[in-house]
């Protein structure tokens, strides 16, 4: 390749530290006011192959390109309030993240996971296992009392299909957070 990924992104007017490249594609994300926009640029033609504007949250770490997949994690936060008829409203907040794996050349979502937590570091691959480290924080006020829970989460997925193999947590996840999947193991 004659043009470096940095130079090609600069020519396209894209300023981001959140990108990865292989011989065929530069995959990256740009954070806007409400969420990140993921994209892929063809290294040979210099044109965009695809972009996805409706992913949840912002990107906080560079993605990876592996075996025809572009993989990135996000950070998502939200808060809800509901009236329960008492003196105070019930308020809850959460901070987590979503993992996405896109087809590098077409942009179709191959798999995603909404329980990885905030992904602050680039996911890594060991053999055919994708390892994602994240962090979840939840809390609020219920019955006039504060509550909170937080945990670090390590999620392992088989590649390329993205099947969850295992999770480990360090800390306290709220009851039901991992509902529908095997309970996570302890992460020391």
C-alpha atoms as a PDB file:
ATOM      1  CA  UNK A   1       0.000   0.000   0.000  1.00  0.00           C
ATOM      2  CA  UNK A   2       1.375   3.366  -0.974  1.00  0.00           C
ATOM      3  CA  UNK A   3      -0.714   5.569   1.324  1.00  0.00           C
ATOM      4  CA  UNK A   4      -0.671   5.121   5.080  1.00  0.00           C
ATOM      5  CA  UNK A   5      -3.974   4.856   6.964  1.00  0.00           C
ATOM      6  CA  UNK A   6      -3.262   8.176   8.701  1.00  0.00           C
ATOM      7  CA  UNK A   7      -2.699   9.968   5.383  1.00  0.00           C
ATOM      8  CA  UNK A   8      -5.771   8.441   3.729  1.00  0.00           C
ATOM      9  CA  UNK A   9      -8.010   9.412   6.662  1.00  0.00           C
ATOM     10  CA  UNK A  10      -6.553  12.938   6.587  1.00  0.00           C
ATOM     11  CA  UNK A  11      -7.290  13.212   2.836  1.00  0.00           C
ATOM     12  CA  UNK A  12     -10.900  12.218   3.593  1.00  0.00           C
ATOM     13  CA  UNK A  13     -11.130  14.832   6.354  1.00  0.00           C
ATOM     14  CA  UNK A  14     -11.523  12.242   9.135  1.00  0.00           C
ATOM     15  CA  UNK A  15      -9.905  13.091  12.429  1.00  0.00           C
ATOM     16  CA  UNK A  16     -10.028  10.160  14.820  1.00  0.00           C
ATOM     17  CA  UNK A  17      -7.665   8.115  16.938  1.00  0.00           C
ATOM     18  CA  UNK A  18     -10.161   5.244  16.909  1.00  0.00           C
ATOM     19  CA  UNK A  19      -9.190   3.209  13.844  1.00  0.00           C
ATOM     20  CA  UNK A  20      -7.439   0.015  12.777  1.00  0.00           C
ATOM     21  CA  UNK A  21      -6.297  -1.149   9.353  1.00  0.00           C
ATOM     22  CA  UNK A  22      -5.326  -4.225   7.416  1.00  0.00           C
ATOM     23  CA  UNK A  23      -4.296  -4.508   3.747  1.00  0.00           C
ATOM     24  CA  UNK A  24      -7.870  -4.090   2.461  1.00  0.00           C
ATOM     25  CA  UNK A  25      -9.712  -1.726   4.802  1.00  0.00           C
ATOM     26  CA  UNK A  26      -9.367   1.036   7.373  1.00  0.00           C
ATOM     27  CA  UNK A  27     -12.045   0.606  10.005  1.00  0.00           C
ATOM     28  CA  UNK A  28     -12.819   3.340  12.485  1.00  0.00           C
ATOM     29  CA  UNK A  29     -15.295   5.399  14.402  1.00  0.00           C
ATOM     30  CA  UNK A  30     -15.936   9.079  14.986  1.00  0.00           C
ATOM     31  CA  UNK A  31     -17.866  10.254  18.026  1.00  0.00           C
ATOM     32  CA  UNK A  32     -20.534  12.893  17.428  1.00  0.00           C
ATOM     33  CA  UNK A  33     -22.860  14.558  19.951  1.00  0.00           C
ATOM     34  CA  UNK A  34     -25.084  11.545  20.610  1.00  0.00           C
ATOM     35  CA  UNK A  35     -23.212   8.444  19.453  1.00  0.00           C
ATOM     36  CA  UNK A  36     -20.371   7.121  17.373  1.00  0.00           C
ATOM     37  CA  UNK A  37     -20.423   6.630  13.626  1.00  0.00           C
ATOM     38  CA  UNK A  38     -18.549   3.532  12.443  1.00  0.00           C
ATOM     39  CA  UNK A  39     -17.058   3.392   8.945  1.00  0.00           C
ATOM     40  CA  UNK A  40     -14.777   1.450   6.634  1.00  0.00           C
ATOM     41  CA  UNK A  41     -12.572   2.890   3.894  1.00  0.00           C
ATOM     42  CA  UNK A  42     -11.285   0.755   1.017  1.00  0.00           C
ATOM     43  CA  UNK A  43      -7.482   1.086   1.053  1.00  0.00           C
ATOM     44  CA  UNK A  44      -7.116   0.505  -2.697  1.00  0.00           C
ATOM     45  CA  UNK A  45      -9.728   2.957  -3.992  1.00  0.00           C
ATOM     46  CA  UNK A  46      -9.681   5.433  -1.104  1.00  0.00           C
ATOM     47  CA  UNK A  47     -13.489   5.435  -1.023  1.00  0.00           C
ATOM     48  CA  UNK A  48     -15.863   4.659   1.804  1.00  0.00           C
ATOM     49  CA  UNK A  49     -17.123   1.076   1.699  1.00  0.00           C
ATOM     50  CA  UNK A  50     -19.819   1.678   4.326  1.00  0.00           C
ATOM     51  CA  UNK A  51     -20.790   3.613   7.427  1.00  0.00           C
ATOM     52  CA  UNK A  52     -23.184   2.908  10.283  1.00  0.00           C
ATOM     53  CA  UNK A  53     -24.723   5.818  12.130  1.00  0.00           C
ATOM     54  CA  UNK A  54     -27.015   4.063  14.599  1.00  0.00           C
ATOM     55  CA  UNK A  55     -24.663   2.260  16.984  1.00  0.00           C
ATOM     56  CA  UNK A  56     -25.229   2.699  20.711  1.00  0.00           C
ATOM     57  CA  UNK A  57     -22.852   4.958  22.589  1.00  0.00           C
ATOM     58  CA  UNK A  58     -19.441   6.441  22.021  1.00  0.00           C
ATOM     59  CA  UNK A  59     -16.185   4.715  21.217  1.00  0.00           C
ATOM     60  CA  UNK A  60     -13.402   5.017  23.793  1.00  0.00           C
ATOM     61  CA  UNK A  61     -10.730   2.686  22.369  1.00  0.00           C
ATOM     62  CA  UNK A  62      -9.456   1.788  18.901  1.00  0.00           C
ATOM     63  CA  UNK A  63     -11.207  -1.153  17.205  1.00  0.00           C
ATOM     64  CA  UNK A  64      -9.531  -4.231  15.740  1.00  0.00           C
ATOM     65  CA  UNK A  65      -9.718  -5.830  12.313  1.00  0.00           C
ATOM     66  CA  UNK A  66      -9.592  -9.636  12.430  1.00  0.00           C
ATOM     67  CA  UNK A  67     -10.442 -12.279   9.831  1.00  0.00           C
ATOM     68  CA  UNK A  68     -12.772 -10.097   7.779  1.00  0.00           C
ATOM     69  CA  UNK A  69     -14.424  -8.601  10.877  1.00  0.00           C
ATOM     70  CA  UNK A  70     -14.218  -5.080  12.251  1.00  0.00           C
ATOM     71  CA  UNK A  71     -14.767  -5.207  16.015  1.00  0.00           C
ATOM     72  CA  UNK A  72     -15.353  -2.297  18.386  1.00  0.00           C
ATOM     73  CA  UNK A  73     -16.813  -1.604  21.800  1.00  0.00           C
ATOM     74  CA  UNK A  74     -18.750   1.388  23.058  1.00  0.00           C
ATOM     75  CA  UNK A  75     -19.709   3.265  26.206  1.00  0.00           C
ATOM     76  CA  UNK A  76     -23.430   3.815  26.870  1.00  0.00           C
ATOM     77  CA  UNK A  77     -25.075   5.726  29.719  1.00  0.00           C
ATOM     78  CA  UNK A  78     -28.724   6.335  30.485  1.00  0.00           C
ATOM     79  CA  UNK A  79     -31.031   7.317  33.304  1.00  0.00           C
ATOM     80  CA  UNK A  80     -34.716   6.650  33.982  1.00  0.00           C
ATOM     81  CA  UNK A  81     -37.167   8.222  36.386  1.00  0.00           C
ATOM     82  CA  UNK A  82     -40.580   6.933  37.373  1.00  0.00           C
ATOM     83  CA  UNK A  83     -43.200   8.131  39.777  1.00  0.00           C
ATOM     84  CA  UNK A  84     -44.285   5.528  42.295  1.00  0.00           C
ATOM     85  CA  UNK A  85     -46.831   7.520  44.235  1.00  0.00           C
ATOM     86  CA  UNK A  86     -44.483   8.060  47.184  1.00  0.00           C
ATOM     87  CA  UNK A  87     -42.687  11.142  48.393  1.00  0.00           C
ATOM     88  CA  UNK A  88     -39.832  10.669  45.922  1.00  0.00           C
ATOM     89  CA  UNK A  89     -39.530   9.334  42.390  1.00  0.00           C
ATOM     90  CA  UNK A  90     -37.524   6.176  41.738  1.00  0.00           C
ATOM     91  CA  UNK A  91     -34.424   6.984  39.704  1.00  0.00           C
ATOM     92  CA  UNK A  92     -32.001   4.537  38.148  1.00  0.00           C
ATOM     93  CA  UNK A  93     -28.914   5.005  36.013  1.00  0.00           C
ATOM     94  CA  UNK A  94     -26.592   2.689  34.214  1.00  0.00           C
ATOM     95  CA  UNK A  95     -23.295   2.830  32.428  1.00  0.00           C
ATOM     96  CA  UNK A  96     -22.358  -0.078  30.228  1.00  0.00           C
ATOM     97  CA  UNK A  97     -21.379  -0.754  26.669  1.00  0.00           C
ATOM     98  CA  UNK A  98     -22.068  -2.692  23.508  1.00  0.00           C
ATOM     99  CA  UNK A  99     -19.658  -4.793  21.465  1.00  0.00           C
ATOM    100  CA  UNK A 100     -20.164  -4.814  17.686  1.00  0.00           C
ATOM    101  CA  UNK A 101     -18.588  -7.019  15.005  1.00  0.00           C
ATOM    102  CA  UNK A 102     -19.148  -5.781  11.436  1.00  0.00           C
ATOM    103  CA  UNK A 103     -18.285  -7.502   8.170  1.00  0.00           C
ATOM    104  CA  UNK A 104     -15.238  -5.572   7.024  1.00  0.00           C
ATOM    105  CA  UNK A 105     -16.256  -5.236   3.381  1.00  0.00           C
ATOM    106  CA  UNK A 106     -20.054  -4.880   3.652  1.00  0.00           C
ATOM    107  CA  UNK A 107     -20.742  -3.375   7.074  1.00  0.00           C
ATOM    108  CA  UNK A 108     -23.391  -5.918   8.055  1.00  0.00           C
ATOM    109  CA  UNK A 109     -23.477  -6.618  11.783  1.00  0.00           C
ATOM    110  CA  UNK A 110     -22.261 -10.206  12.286  1.00  0.00           C
ATOM    111  CA  UNK A 111     -22.802 -10.208  16.061  1.00  0.00           C
ATOM    112  CA  UNK A 112     -23.162  -7.879  19.025  1.00  0.00           C
ATOM    113  CA  UNK A 113     -23.341  -8.124  22.797  1.00  0.00           C
ATOM    114  CA  UNK A 114     -24.972  -5.624  25.146  1.00  0.00           C
ATOM    115  CA  UNK A 115     -23.433  -6.903  28.388  1.00  0.00           C
ATOM    116  CA  UNK A 116     -19.712  -6.362  27.849  1.00  0.00           C
ATOM    117  CA  UNK A 117     -19.678  -3.114  29.823  1.00  0.00           C
ATOM    118  CA  UNK A 118     -17.839   0.070  28.876  1.00  0.00           C
ATOM    119  CA  UNK A 119     -14.993  -0.976  26.578  1.00  0.00           C
ATOM    120  CA  UNK A 120     -12.035   1.280  27.432  1.00  0.00           C
ATOM    121  CA  UNK A 121      -9.328  -0.848  25.784  1.00  0.00           C
ATOM    122  CA  UNK A 122      -9.069  -2.427  22.351  1.00  0.00           C
ATOM    123  CA  UNK A 123     -10.469  -5.983  22.376  1.00  0.00           C
ATOM    124  CA  UNK A 124      -7.846  -8.659  21.718  1.00  0.00           C
ATOM    125  CA  UNK A 125      -7.814 -12.027  19.988  1.00  0.00           C
ATOM    126  CA  UNK A 126      -6.039 -15.131  21.295  1.00  0.00           C
ATOM    127  CA  UNK A 127      -6.277 -17.974  18.795  1.00  0.00           C
ATOM    128  CA  UNK A 128      -9.955 -17.984  17.781  1.00  0.00           C
ATOM    129  CA  UNK A 129     -11.189 -16.335  21.005  1.00  0.00           C
ATOM    130  CA  UNK A 130     -12.129 -12.655  21.212  1.00  0.00           C
ATOM    131  CA  UNK A 131     -11.492 -11.228  24.686  1.00  0.00           C
ATOM    132  CA  UNK A 132     -13.274  -8.036  25.696  1.00  0.00           C
ATOM    133  CA  UNK A 133     -12.773  -6.278  29.018  1.00  0.00           C
ATOM    134  CA  UNK A 134     -15.411  -3.848  30.203  1.00  0.00           C
ATOM    135  CA  UNK A 135     -16.953  -2.191  33.197  1.00  0.00           C
ATOM    136  CA  UNK A 136     -20.570  -1.866  34.318  1.00  0.00           C
ATOM    137  CA  UNK A 137     -21.960   0.588  36.848  1.00  0.00           C
ATOM    138  CA  UNK A 138     -25.581   0.790  37.888  1.00  0.00           C
ATOM    139  CA  UNK A 139     -27.330   2.660  40.645  1.00  0.00           C
ATOM    140  CA  UNK A 140     -30.115   4.939  41.670  1.00  0.00           C
ATOM    141  CA  UNK A 141     -32.610   5.737  44.391  1.00  0.00           C
ATOM    142  CA  UNK A 142     -35.431   3.416  45.367  1.00  0.00           C
ATOM    143  CA  UNK A 143     -37.698   3.828  48.417  1.00  0.00           C
ATOM    144  CA  UNK A 144     -35.739   6.946  49.412  1.00  0.00           C
ATOM    145  CA  UNK A 145     -32.481   4.967  49.639  1.00  0.00           C
ATOM    146  CA  UNK A 146     -29.494   4.927  47.261  1.00  0.00           C
ATOM    147  CA  UNK A 147     -28.263   1.692  45.706  1.00  0.00           C
ATOM    148  CA  UNK A 148     -25.396   0.854  43.369  1.00  0.00           C
ATOM    149  CA  UNK A 149     -23.493  -2.030  41.856  1.00  0.00           C
ATOM    150  CA  UNK A 150     -20.360  -2.136  39.756  1.00  0.00           C
ATOM    151  CA  UNK A 151     -18.198  -4.824  38.223  1.00  0.00           C
ATOM    152  CA  UNK A 152     -15.389  -5.365  35.787  1.00  0.00           C
ATOM    153  CA  UNK A 153     -16.418  -7.872  33.132  1.00  0.00           C
ATOM    154  CA  UNK A 154     -14.286 -10.101  30.930  1.00  0.00           C
ATOM    155  CA  UNK A 155     -16.251 -11.618  28.035  1.00  0.00           C
ATOM    156  CA  UNK A 156     -14.914 -14.333  25.723  1.00  0.00           C
ATOM    157  CA  UNK A 157     -16.445 -15.026  22.306  1.00  0.00           C
ATOM    158  CA  UNK A 158     -15.590 -17.682  19.726  1.00  0.00           C
ATOM    159  CA  UNK A 159     -14.625 -16.276  16.348  1.00  0.00           C
ATOM    160  CA  UNK A 160     -15.818 -15.811  13.693  1.00  0.00           C
ATOM    161  CA  UNK A 161     -19.406 -16.626  14.782  1.00  0.00           C
ATOM    162  CA  UNK A 162     -19.345 -14.541  17.983  1.00  0.00           C
ATOM    163  CA  UNK A 163     -20.854 -17.144  20.315  1.00  0.00           C
ATOM    164  CA  UNK A 164     -20.370 -16.236  23.988  1.00  0.00           C
ATOM    165  CA  UNK A 165     -17.981 -18.764  25.520  1.00  0.00           C
ATOM    166  CA  UNK A 166     -17.635 -17.395  29.067  1.00  0.00           C
ATOM    167  CA  UNK A 167     -17.763 -14.339  31.265  1.00  0.00           C
ATOM    168  CA  UNK A 168     -15.921 -13.507  34.441  1.00  0.00           C
ATOM    169  CA  UNK A 169     -16.641 -10.623  36.769  1.00  0.00           C
ATOM    170  CA  UNK A 170     -14.751  -8.801  39.466  1.00  0.00           C
ATOM    171  CA  UNK A 171     -17.118  -6.895  41.738  1.00  0.00           C
ATOM    172  CA  UNK A 172     -20.880  -6.996  42.085  1.00  0.00           C
ATOM    173  CA  UNK A 173     -23.293  -7.179  39.172  1.00  0.00           C
ATOM    174  CA  UNK A 174     -26.938  -6.446  39.931  1.00  0.00           C
ATOM    175  CA  UNK A 175     -29.327  -9.428  40.131  1.00  0.00           C
ATOM    176  CA  UNK A 176     -30.562 -10.423  36.689  1.00  0.00           C
ATOM    177  CA  UNK A 177     -27.917  -8.503  34.736  1.00  0.00           C
ATOM    178  CA  UNK A 178     -26.688 -11.674  33.030  1.00  0.00           C
ATOM    179  CA  UNK A 179     -30.134 -13.267  32.792  1.00  0.00           C
ATOM    180  CA  UNK A 180     -30.498 -15.860  30.035  1.00  0.00           C
ATOM    181  CA  UNK A 181     -26.865 -16.943  30.055  1.00  0.00           C
ATOM    182  CA  UNK A 182     -24.688 -19.071  32.357  1.00  0.00           C
ATOM    183  CA  UNK A 183     -23.675 -17.227  35.546  1.00  0.00           C
ATOM    184  CA  UNK A 184     -20.304 -15.503  35.172  1.00  0.00           C
ATOM    185  CA  UNK A 185     -17.297 -16.906  36.985  1.00  0.00           C
ATOM    186  CA  UNK A 186     -15.163 -14.996  39.450  1.00  0.00           C
ATOM    187  CA  UNK A 187     -12.348 -12.897  37.999  1.00  0.00           C
ATOM    188  CA  UNK A 188      -9.513 -12.377  40.452  1.00  0.00           C
END
